[in-house]
PDB file of all heavy atoms in Angstrom:
ATOM      1  N   GLU A   1     117.392 161.832 123.717  1.00  0.00           N
ATOM      2  CA  GLU A   1     118.833 161.723 123.506  1.00  0.00           C
ATOM      3  C   GLU A   1     119.382 162.853 122.643  1.00  0.00           C
ATOM      4  O   GLU A   1     120.564 162.858 122.302  1.00  0.00           O
ATOM      5  CB  GLU A   1     119.149 160.375 122.851  1.00  0.00           C
ATOM      6  CG  GLU A   1     118.794 159.169 123.700  1.00  0.00           C
ATOM      7  CD  GLU A   1     119.642 159.063 124.948  1.00  0.00           C
ATOM      8  OE1 GLU A   1     120.849 159.380 124.874  1.00  0.00           O
ATOM      9  OE2 GLU A   1     119.104 158.683 126.002  1.00  0.00           O
ATOM     10  N   GLY A   2     118.522 163.796 122.257  1.00  0.00           N
ATOM     11  CA  GLY A   2     118.963 164.906 121.422  1.00  0.00           C
ATOM     12  C   GLY A   2     119.193 164.528 119.974  1.00  0.00           C
ATOM     13  O   GLY A   2     119.960 165.187 119.267  1.00  0.00           O
ATOM     14  N   HIS A   3     118.508 163.475 119.500  1.00  0.00           N
ATOM     15  CA  HIS A   3     118.732 162.958 118.151  1.00  0.00           C
ATOM     16  C   HIS A   3     117.543 163.169 117.227  1.00  0.00           C
ATOM     17  O   HIS A   3     117.492 162.559 116.157  1.00  0.00           O
ATOM     18  CB  HIS A   3     119.058 161.468 118.211  1.00  0.00           C
ATOM     19  CG  HIS A   3     120.319 161.146 118.954  1.00  0.00           C
ATOM     20  ND1 HIS A   3     120.503 159.980 119.662  1.00  0.00           N
ATOM     21  CD2 HIS A   3     121.461 161.863 119.110  1.00  0.00           C
ATOM     22  CE1 HIS A   3     121.705 159.983 120.222  1.00  0.00           C
ATOM     23  NE2 HIS A   3     122.311 161.114 119.900  1.00  0.00           N
ATOM     24  N   LEU A   4     116.596 164.013 117.626  1.00  0.00           N
ATOM     25  CA  LEU A   4     115.429 164.240 116.783  1.00  0.00           C
ATOM     26  C   LEU A   4     115.692 165.474 115.941  1.00  0.00           C
ATOM     27  O   LEU A   4     115.565 166.609 116.401  1.00  0.00           O
ATOM     28  CB  LEU A   4     114.175 164.426 117.646  1.00  0.00           C
ATOM     29  CG  LEU A   4     112.849 164.408 116.896  1.00  0.00           C
ATOM     30  CD1 LEU A   4     112.656 163.090 116.171  1.00  0.00           C
ATOM     31  CD2 LEU A   4     111.691 164.640 117.867  1.00  0.00           C
ATOM     32  N   SER A   5     116.049 165.251 114.678  1.00  0.00           N
ATOM     33  CA  SER A   5     116.478 166.366 113.835  1.00  0.00           C
ATOM     34  C   SER A   5     115.316 167.210 113.343  1.00  0.00           C
ATOM     35  O   SER A   5     115.463 168.414 113.133  1.00  0.00           O
ATOM     36  CB  SER A   5     117.263 165.827 112.625  1.00  0.00           C
ATOM     37  OG  SER A   5     116.463 164.920 111.884  1.00  0.00           O
ATOM     38  N   GLU A   6     114.144 166.614 113.139  1.00  0.00           N
ATOM     39  CA  GLU A   6     112.988 167.342 112.622  1.00  0.00           C
ATOM     40  C   GLU A   6     111.828 167.173 113.585  1.00  0.00           C
ATOM     41  O   GLU A   6     111.103 166.193 113.544  1.00  0.00           O
ATOM     42  CB  GLU A   6     112.608 166.820 111.223  1.00  0.00           C
ATOM     43  CG  GLU A   6     111.396 167.490 110.616  1.00  0.00           C
ATOM     44  CD  GLU A   6     111.476 169.011 110.656  1.00  0.00           C
ATOM     45  OE1 GLU A   6     112.339 169.575 109.972  1.00  0.00           O
ATOM     46  OE2 GLU A   6     110.679 169.622 111.400  1.00  0.00           O
ATOM     47  N   ARG A   7     111.665 168.161 114.464  1.00  0.00           N
ATOM     48  CA  ARG A   7     110.669 168.025 115.524  1.00  0.00           C
ATOM     49  C   ARG A   7     109.253 168.293 115.026  1.00  0.00           C
ATOM     50  O   ARG A   7     108.285 167.742 115.557  1.00  0.00           O
ATOM     51  CB  ARG A   7     111.011 168.964 116.680  1.00  0.00           C
ATOM     52  CG  ARG A   7     110.191 168.702 117.937  1.00  0.00           C
ATOM     53  CD  ARG A   7     110.620 169.584 119.094  1.00  0.00           C
ATOM     54  NE  ARG A   7     109.798 169.346 120.261  1.00  0.00           N
ATOM     55  CZ  ARG A   7     110.030 168.449 121.197  1.00  0.00           C
ATOM     56  NH1 ARG A   7     111.096 167.663 121.082  1.00  0.00           N
ATOM     57  NH2 ARG A   7     109.228 168.303 122.237  1.00  0.00           N
ATOM     58  N   VAL A   8     109.112 169.132 114.004  1.00  0.00           N
ATOM     59  CA  VAL A   8     107.770 169.525 113.565  1.00  0.00           C
ATOM     60  C   VAL A   8     106.995 168.318 113.046  1.00  0.00           C
ATOM     61  O   VAL A   8     105.858 168.066 113.450  1.00  0.00           O
ATOM     62  CB  VAL A   8     107.855 170.615 112.479  1.00  0.00           C
ATOM     63  CG1 VAL A   8     106.468 170.914 111.927  1.00  0.00           C
ATOM     64  CG2 VAL A   8     108.471 171.886 113.060  1.00  0.00           C
ATOM     65  N   GLY A   9     107.612 167.555 112.138  1.00  0.00           N
ATOM     66  CA  GLY A   9     106.932 166.385 111.604  1.00  0.00           C
ATOM     67  C   GLY A   9     106.646 165.361 112.675  1.00  0.00           C
ATOM     68  O   GLY A   9     105.566 164.749 112.695  1.00  0.00           O
ATOM     69  N   ALA A  10     107.597 165.153 113.589  1.00  0.00           N
ATOM     70  CA  ALA A  10     107.388 164.198 114.676  1.00  0.00           C
ATOM     71  C   ALA A  10     106.272 164.662 115.598  1.00  0.00           C
ATOM     72  O   ALA A  10     105.449 163.854 116.056  1.00  0.00           O
ATOM     73  CB  ALA A  10     108.686 164.013 115.458  1.00  0.00           C
ATOM     74  N   ALA A  11     106.225 165.962 115.885  1.00  0.00           N
ATOM     75  CA  ALA A  11     105.181 166.487 116.771  1.00  0.00           C
ATOM     76  C   ALA A  11     103.801 166.288 116.166  1.00  0.00           C
ATOM     77  O   ALA A  11     102.837 165.934 116.868  1.00  0.00           O
ATOM     78  CB  ALA A  11     105.432 167.966 117.054  1.00  0.00           C
ATOM     79  N   ARG A  12     103.687 166.496 114.876  1.00  0.00           N
ATOM     80  CA  ARG A  12     102.398 166.284 114.204  1.00  0.00           C
ATOM     81  C   ARG A  12     102.002 164.813 114.264  1.00  0.00           C
ATOM     82  O   ARG A  12     100.845 164.474 114.521  1.00  0.00           O
ATOM     83  CB  ARG A  12     102.493 166.766 112.764  1.00  0.00           C
ATOM     84  CG  ARG A  12     101.179 166.700 111.994  1.00  0.00           C
ATOM     85  CD  ARG A  12     101.268 167.475 110.686  1.00  0.00           C
ATOM     86  NE  ARG A  12     102.398 167.053 109.862  1.00  0.00           N
ATOM     87  CZ  ARG A  12     103.483 167.792 109.631  1.00  0.00           C
ATOM     88  NH1 ARG A  12     103.586 169.016 110.168  1.00  0.00           N
ATOM     89  NH2 ARG A  12     104.458 167.346 108.863  1.00  0.00           N
ATOM     90  N   MET A  13     102.972 163.924 114.036  1.00  0.00           N
ATOM     91  CA  MET A  13     102.703 162.497 114.126  1.00  0.00           C
ATOM     92  C   MET A  13     102.245 162.117 115.523  1.00  0.00           C
ATOM     93  O   MET A  13     101.270 161.385 115.716  1.00  0.00           O
ATOM     94  CB  MET A  13     103.954 161.706 113.742  1.00  0.00           C
ATOM     95  CG  MET A  13     103.809 160.191 113.868  1.00  0.00           C
ATOM     96  SD  MET A  13     104.163 159.531 115.537  1.00  0.00           S
ATOM     97  CE  MET A  13     105.944 159.651 115.557  1.00  0.00           C
ATOM     98  N   VAL A  14     102.954 162.614 116.545  1.00  0.00           N
ATOM     99  CA  VAL A  14     102.630 162.294 117.927  1.00  0.00           C
ATOM    100  C   VAL A  14     101.221 162.775 118.280  1.00  0.00           C
ATOM    101  O   VAL A  14     100.430 162.037 118.889  1.00  0.00           O
ATOM    102  CB  VAL A  14     103.676 162.904 118.881  1.00  0.00           C
ATOM    103  CG1 VAL A  14     103.190 162.833 120.325  1.00  0.00           C
ATOM    104  CG2 VAL A  14     105.014 162.198 118.730  1.00  0.00           C
ATOM    105  N   GLN A  15     100.903 163.987 117.902  1.00  0.00           N
ATOM    106  CA  GLN A  15      99.576 164.519 118.222  1.00  0.00           C
ATOM    107  C   GLN A  15      98.480 163.660 117.592  1.00  0.00           C
ATOM    108  O   GLN A  15      97.479 163.334 118.241  1.00  0.00           O
ATOM    109  CB  GLN A  15      99.451 165.959 117.741  1.00  0.00           C
ATOM    110  CG  GLN A  15      98.096 166.594 118.075  1.00  0.00           C
ATOM    111  CD  GLN A  15      97.965 167.997 117.524  1.00  0.00           C
ATOM    112  OE1 GLN A  15      98.393 168.251 116.401  1.00  0.00           O
ATOM    113  NE2 GLN A  15      97.394 168.894 118.304  1.00  0.00           N
ATOM    114  N   GLN A  16      98.655 163.280 116.340  1.00  0.00           N
ATOM    115  CA  GLN A  16      97.646 162.473 115.666  1.00  0.00           C
ATOM    116  C   GLN A  16      97.547 161.082 116.297  1.00  0.00           C
ATOM    117  O   GLN A  16      96.442 160.539 116.456  1.00  0.00           O
ATOM    118  CB  GLN A  16      97.984 162.361 114.181  1.00  0.00           C
ATOM    119  CG  GLN A  16      97.861 163.672 113.424  1.00  0.00           C
ATOM    120  CD  GLN A  16      98.379 163.563 111.994  1.00  0.00           C
ATOM    121  OE1 GLN A  16      99.246 162.750 111.692  1.00  0.00           O
ATOM    122  NE2 GLN A  16      97.850 164.392 111.115  1.00  0.00           N
ATOM    123  N   ALA A  17      98.689 160.484 116.649  1.00  0.00           N
ATOM    124  CA  ALA A  17      98.670 159.159 117.265  1.00  0.00           C
ATOM    125  C   ALA A  17      97.982 159.202 118.628  1.00  0.00           C
ATOM    126  O   ALA A  17      97.163 158.330 118.952  1.00  0.00           O
ATOM    127  CB  ALA A  17     100.095 158.626 117.401  1.00  0.00           C
ATOM    128  N   LEU A  18      98.303 160.204 119.434  1.00  0.00           N
ATOM    129  CA  LEU A  18      97.695 160.300 120.753  1.00  0.00           C
ATOM    130  C   LEU A  18      96.210 160.615 120.660  1.00  0.00           C
ATOM    131  O   LEU A  18      95.415 160.149 121.489  1.00  0.00           O
ATOM    132  CB  LEU A  18      98.419 161.345 121.601  1.00  0.00           C
ATOM    133  CG  LEU A  18      99.880 161.024 121.949  1.00  0.00           C
ATOM    134  CD1 LEU A  18     100.431 162.042 122.932  1.00  0.00           C
ATOM    135  CD2 LEU A  18     100.025 159.615 122.506  1.00  0.00           C
ATOM    136  N   ARG A  19      95.826 161.390 119.678  1.00  0.00           N
ATOM    137  CA  ARG A  19      94.400 161.642 119.469  1.00  0.00           C
ATOM    138  C   ARG A  19      93.673 160.321 119.166  1.00  0.00           C
ATOM    139  O   ARG A  19      92.581 160.074 119.676  1.00  0.00           O
ATOM    140  CB  ARG A  19      94.208 162.630 118.320  1.00  0.00           C
ATOM    141  CG  ARG A  19      92.751 162.965 118.005  1.00  0.00           C
ATOM    142  CD  ARG A  19      92.677 163.925 116.828  1.00  0.00           C
ATOM    143  NE  ARG A  19      93.100 165.255 117.211  1.00  0.00           N
ATOM    144  CZ  ARG A  19      92.269 166.273 117.461  1.00  0.00           C
ATOM    145  NH1 ARG A  19      90.969 166.095 117.356  1.00  0.00           N
ATOM    146  NH2 ARG A  19      92.730 167.448 117.797  1.00  0.00           N
ATOM    147  N   PHE A  20      94.311 159.488 118.328  1.00  0.00           N
ATOM    148  CA  PHE A  20      93.690 158.200 118.009  1.00  0.00           C
ATOM    149  C   PHE A  20      93.598 157.323 119.255  1.00  0.00           C
ATOM    150  O   PHE A  20      92.566 156.682 119.508  1.00  0.00           O
ATOM    151  CB  PHE A  20      94.489 157.488 116.922  1.00  0.00           C
ATOM    152  CG  PHE A  20      93.804 156.261 116.394  1.00  0.00           C
ATOM    153  CD1 PHE A  20      92.932 156.350 115.321  1.00  0.00           C
ATOM    154  CD2 PHE A  20      94.014 155.015 116.968  1.00  0.00           C
ATOM    155  CE1 PHE A  20      92.278 155.220 114.833  1.00  0.00           C
ATOM    156  CE2 PHE A  20      93.367 153.881 116.500  1.00  0.00           C
ATOM    157  CZ  PHE A  20      92.495 153.997 115.429  1.00  0.00           C
ATOM    158  N   ILE A  21      94.660 157.280 120.044  1.00  0.00           N
ATOM    159  CA  ILE A  21      94.656 156.476 121.272  1.00  0.00           C
ATOM    160  C   ILE A  21      93.586 156.976 122.231  1.00  0.00           C
ATOM    161  O   ILE A  21      92.822 156.187 122.808  1.00  0.00           O
ATOM    162  CB  ILE A  21      96.046 156.505 121.932  1.00  0.00           C
ATOM    163  CG1 ILE A  21      97.047 155.708 121.087  1.00  0.00           C
ATOM    164  CG2 ILE A  21      95.995 155.944 123.346  1.00  0.00           C
ATOM    165  CD1 ILE A  21      98.489 155.878 121.511  1.00  0.00           C
ATOM    166  N   ALA A  22      93.514 158.285 122.410  1.00  0.00           N
ATOM    167  CA  ALA A  22      92.538 158.846 123.339  1.00  0.00           C
ATOM    168  C   ALA A  22      91.115 158.522 122.926  1.00  0.00           C
ATOM    169  O   ALA A  22      90.238 158.321 123.777  1.00  0.00           O
ATOM    170  CB  ALA A  22      92.730 160.359 123.436  1.00  0.00           C
ATOM    171  N   ASN A  23      90.865 158.447 121.635  1.00  0.00           N
ATOM    172  CA  ASN A  23      89.501 158.226 121.156  1.00  0.00           C
ATOM    173  C   ASN A  23      89.170 156.764 120.901  1.00  0.00           C
ATOM    174  O   ASN A  23      88.002 156.433 120.685  1.00  0.00           O
ATOM    175  CB  ASN A  23      89.264 159.034 119.879  1.00  0.00           C
ATOM    176  CG  ASN A  23      89.029 160.499 120.156  1.00  0.00           C
ATOM    177  OD1 ASN A  23      87.953 160.890 120.600  1.00  0.00           O
ATOM    178  ND2 ASN A  23      90.053 161.322 119.945  1.00  0.00           N
ATOM    179  N   ASN A  24      90.181 155.881 120.930  1.00  0.00           N
ATOM    180  CA  ASN A  24      89.931 154.473 120.640  1.00  0.00           C
ATOM    181  C   ASN A  24      90.415 153.527 121.732  1.00  0.00           C
ATOM    182  O   ASN A  24      90.041 152.348 121.725  1.00  0.00           O
ATOM    183  CB  ASN A  24      90.581 154.095 119.312  1.00  0.00           C
ATOM    184  CG  ASN A  24      89.949 154.791 118.132  1.00  0.00           C
ATOM    185  OD1 ASN A  24      88.950 154.343 117.587  1.00  0.00           O
ATOM    186  ND2 ASN A  24      90.520 155.926 117.737  1.00  0.00           N
ATOM    187  N   GLY A  25      91.241 154.005 122.658  1.00  0.00           N
ATOM    188  CA  GLY A  25      91.713 153.167 123.746  1.00  0.00           C
ATOM    189  C   GLY A  25      90.715 153.159 124.887  1.00  0.00           C
ATOM    190  O   GLY A  25      89.697 153.834 124.837  1.00  0.00           O
ATOM    191  N   PRO A  26      91.012 152.419 125.920  1.00  0.00           N
ATOM    192  CA  PRO A  26      92.221 151.604 126.142  1.00  0.00           C
ATOM    193  C   PRO A  26      92.134 150.195 125.554  1.00  0.00           C
ATOM    194  O   PRO A  26      93.132 149.519 125.427  1.00  0.00           O
ATOM    195  CB  PRO A  26      92.318 151.544 127.659  1.00  0.00           C
ATOM    196  CG  PRO A  26      90.886 151.546 128.112  1.00  0.00           C
ATOM    197  CD  PRO A  26      90.168 152.460 127.138  1.00  0.00           C
ATOM    198  N   TYR A  27      90.914 149.745 125.219  1.00  0.00           N
ATOM    199  CA  TYR A  27      90.782 148.399 124.661  1.00  0.00           C
ATOM    200  C   TYR A  27      91.250 148.388 123.217  1.00  0.00           C
ATOM    201  O   TYR A  27      90.879 149.252 122.434  1.00  0.00           O
ATOM    202  CB  TYR A  27      89.330 147.927 124.731  1.00  0.00           C
ATOM    203  CG  TYR A  27      88.754 147.860 126.122  1.00  0.00           C
ATOM    204  CD1 TYR A  27      87.486 148.355 126.391  1.00  0.00           C
ATOM    205  CD2 TYR A  27      89.476 147.309 127.175  1.00  0.00           C
ATOM    206  CE1 TYR A  27      86.950 148.294 127.670  1.00  0.00           C
ATOM    207  CE2 TYR A  27      88.956 147.249 128.450  1.00  0.00           C
ATOM    208  CZ  TYR A  27      87.684 147.742 128.693  1.00  0.00           C
ATOM    209  OH  TYR A  27      87.164 147.682 129.960  1.00  0.00           O
ATOM    210  N   SER A  28      92.029 147.377 122.854  1.00  0.00           N
ATOM    211  CA  SER A  28      92.570 147.288 121.497  1.00  0.00           C
ATOM    212  C   SER A  28      91.801 146.247 120.695  1.00  0.00           C
ATOM    213  O   SER A  28      91.467 145.176 121.219  1.00  0.00           O
ATOM    214  CB  SER A  28      94.054 146.902 121.551  1.00  0.00           C
ATOM    215  OG  SER A  28      94.590 146.767 120.254  1.00  0.00           O
ATOM    216  N   PRO A  29      91.533 146.522 119.411  1.00  0.00           N
ATOM    217  CA  PRO A  29      90.883 145.509 118.570  1.00  0.00           C
ATOM    218  C   PRO A  29      91.692 144.224 118.427  1.00  0.00           C
ATOM    219  O   PRO A  29      91.130 143.170 118.163  1.00  0.00           O
ATOM    220  CB  PRO A  29      90.733 146.218 117.225  1.00  0.00           C
ATOM    221  CG  PRO A  29      90.719 147.670 117.558  1.00  0.00           C
ATOM    222  CD  PRO A  29      91.668 147.809 118.713  1.00  0.00           C
ATOM    223  N   GLN A  30      93.019 144.327 118.577  1.00  0.00           N
ATOM    224  CA  GLN A  30      93.878 143.144 118.576  1.00  0.00           C
ATOM    225  C   GLN A  30      94.991 143.330 119.591  1.00  0.00           C
ATOM    226  O   GLN A  30      95.468 144.452 119.808  1.00  0.00           O
ATOM    227  CB  GLN A  30      94.515 142.900 117.204  1.00  0.00           C
ATOM    228  CG  GLN A  30      93.597 142.342 116.138  1.00  0.00           C
ATOM    229  CD  GLN A  30      94.343 142.022 114.853  1.00  0.00           C
ATOM    230  OE1 GLN A  30      95.480 142.431 114.655  1.00  0.00           O
ATOM    231  NE2 GLN A  30      93.700 141.287 113.969  1.00  0.00           N
ATOM    232  N   ASP A  31      95.414 142.217 120.216  1.00  0.00           N
ATOM    233  CA  ASP A  31      96.589 142.262 121.076  1.00  0.00           C
ATOM    234  C   ASP A  31      97.842 142.152 120.208  1.00  0.00           C
ATOM    235  O   ASP A  31      97.757 142.064 118.987  1.00  0.00           O
ATOM    236  CB  ASP A  31      96.530 141.142 122.117  1.00  0.00           C
ATOM    237  CG  ASP A  31      96.618 139.750 121.480  1.00  0.00           C
ATOM    238  OD1 ASP A  31      96.324 139.616 120.282  1.00  0.00           O
ATOM    239  OD2 ASP A  31      96.978 138.796 122.189  1.00  0.00           O
ATOM    240  N   ARG A  32      99.001 142.138 120.848  1.00  0.00           N
ATOM    241  CA  ARG A  32     100.242 142.136 120.063  1.00  0.00           C
ATOM    242  C   ARG A  32     100.476 140.807 119.356  1.00  0.00           C
ATOM    243  O   ARG A  32     101.300 140.733 118.443  1.00  0.00           O
ATOM    244  CB  ARG A  32     101.446 142.487 120.938  1.00  0.00           C
ATOM    245  CG  ARG A  32     101.821 141.461 121.999  1.00  0.00           C
ATOM    246  CD  ARG A  32     103.161 141.828 122.620  1.00  0.00           C
ATOM    247  NE  ARG A  32     103.520 140.954 123.732  1.00  0.00           N
ATOM    248  CZ  ARG A  32     104.741 140.883 124.242  1.00  0.00           C
ATOM    249  NH1 ARG A  32     105.710 141.622 123.740  1.00  0.00           N
ATOM    250  NH2 ARG A  32     105.006 140.086 125.251  1.00  0.00           N
ATOM    251  N   TRP A  33      99.749 139.760 119.769  1.00  0.00           N
ATOM    252  CA  TRP A  33      99.849 138.480 119.071  1.00  0.00           C
ATOM    253  C   TRP A  33      98.806 138.381 117.966  1.00  0.00           C
ATOM    254  O   TRP A  33      98.639 137.323 117.370  1.00  0.00           O
ATOM    255  CB  TRP A  33      99.715 137.324 120.059  1.00  0.00           C
ATOM    256  CG  TRP A  33     100.741 137.378 121.148  1.00  0.00           C
ATOM    257  CD1 TRP A  33     100.513 137.459 122.491  1.00  0.00           C
ATOM    258  CD2 TRP A  33     102.169 137.388 121.003  1.00  0.00           C
ATOM    259  NE1 TRP A  33     101.703 137.505 123.183  1.00  0.00           N
ATOM    260  CE2 TRP A  33     102.739 137.466 122.296  1.00  0.00           C
ATOM    261  CE3 TRP A  33     103.019 137.331 119.895  1.00  0.00           C
ATOM    262  CZ2 TRP A  33     104.118 137.492 122.515  1.00  0.00           C
ATOM    263  CZ3 TRP A  33     104.395 137.362 120.114  1.00  0.00           C
ATOM    264  CH2 TRP A  33     104.928 137.435 121.407  1.00  0.00           C
ATOM    265  N   GLU A  34      98.098 139.467 117.717  1.00  0.00           N
ATOM    266  CA  GLU A  34      97.231 139.626 116.554  1.00  0.00           C
ATOM    267  C   GLU A  34      96.058 138.654 116.560  1.00  0.00           C
ATOM    268  O   GLU A  34      95.593 138.207 115.522  1.00  0.00           O
ATOM    269  CB  GLU A  34      98.046 139.469 115.262  1.00  0.00           C
ATOM    270  CG  GLU A  34      99.268 140.370 115.258  1.00  0.00           C
ATOM    271  CD  GLU A  34     100.044 140.365 113.952  1.00  0.00           C
ATOM    272  OE1 GLU A  34     100.514 139.292 113.556  1.00  0.00           O
ATOM    273  OE2 GLU A  34     100.169 141.443 113.362  1.00  0.00           O
ATOM    274  N   GLU A  35      95.562 138.352 117.750  1.00  0.00           N
ATOM    275  CA  GLU A  35      94.537 137.325 117.844  1.00  0.00           C
ATOM    276  C   GLU A  35      93.252 137.774 118.523  1.00  0.00           C
ATOM    277  O   GLU A  35      92.176 137.326 118.134  1.00  0.00           O
ATOM    278  CB  GLU A  35      95.099 136.099 118.581  1.00  0.00           C
ATOM    279  CG  GLU A  35      96.228 135.432 117.825  1.00  0.00           C
ATOM    280  CD  GLU A  35      96.801 134.219 118.524  1.00  0.00           C
ATOM    281  OE1 GLU A  35      96.342 133.907 119.649  1.00  0.00           O
ATOM    282  OE2 GLU A  35      97.696 133.578 117.962  1.00  0.00           O
TER     283      GLU A  35
END
């Protein structure tokens, strides 16, 4: 939507999150109901 004022910090966050997903997914230790 053109509302991301600081792309550098967001890009670093995204890269780290996707790295975690790639190395730990697709099975999750907990579902969204935390059970």
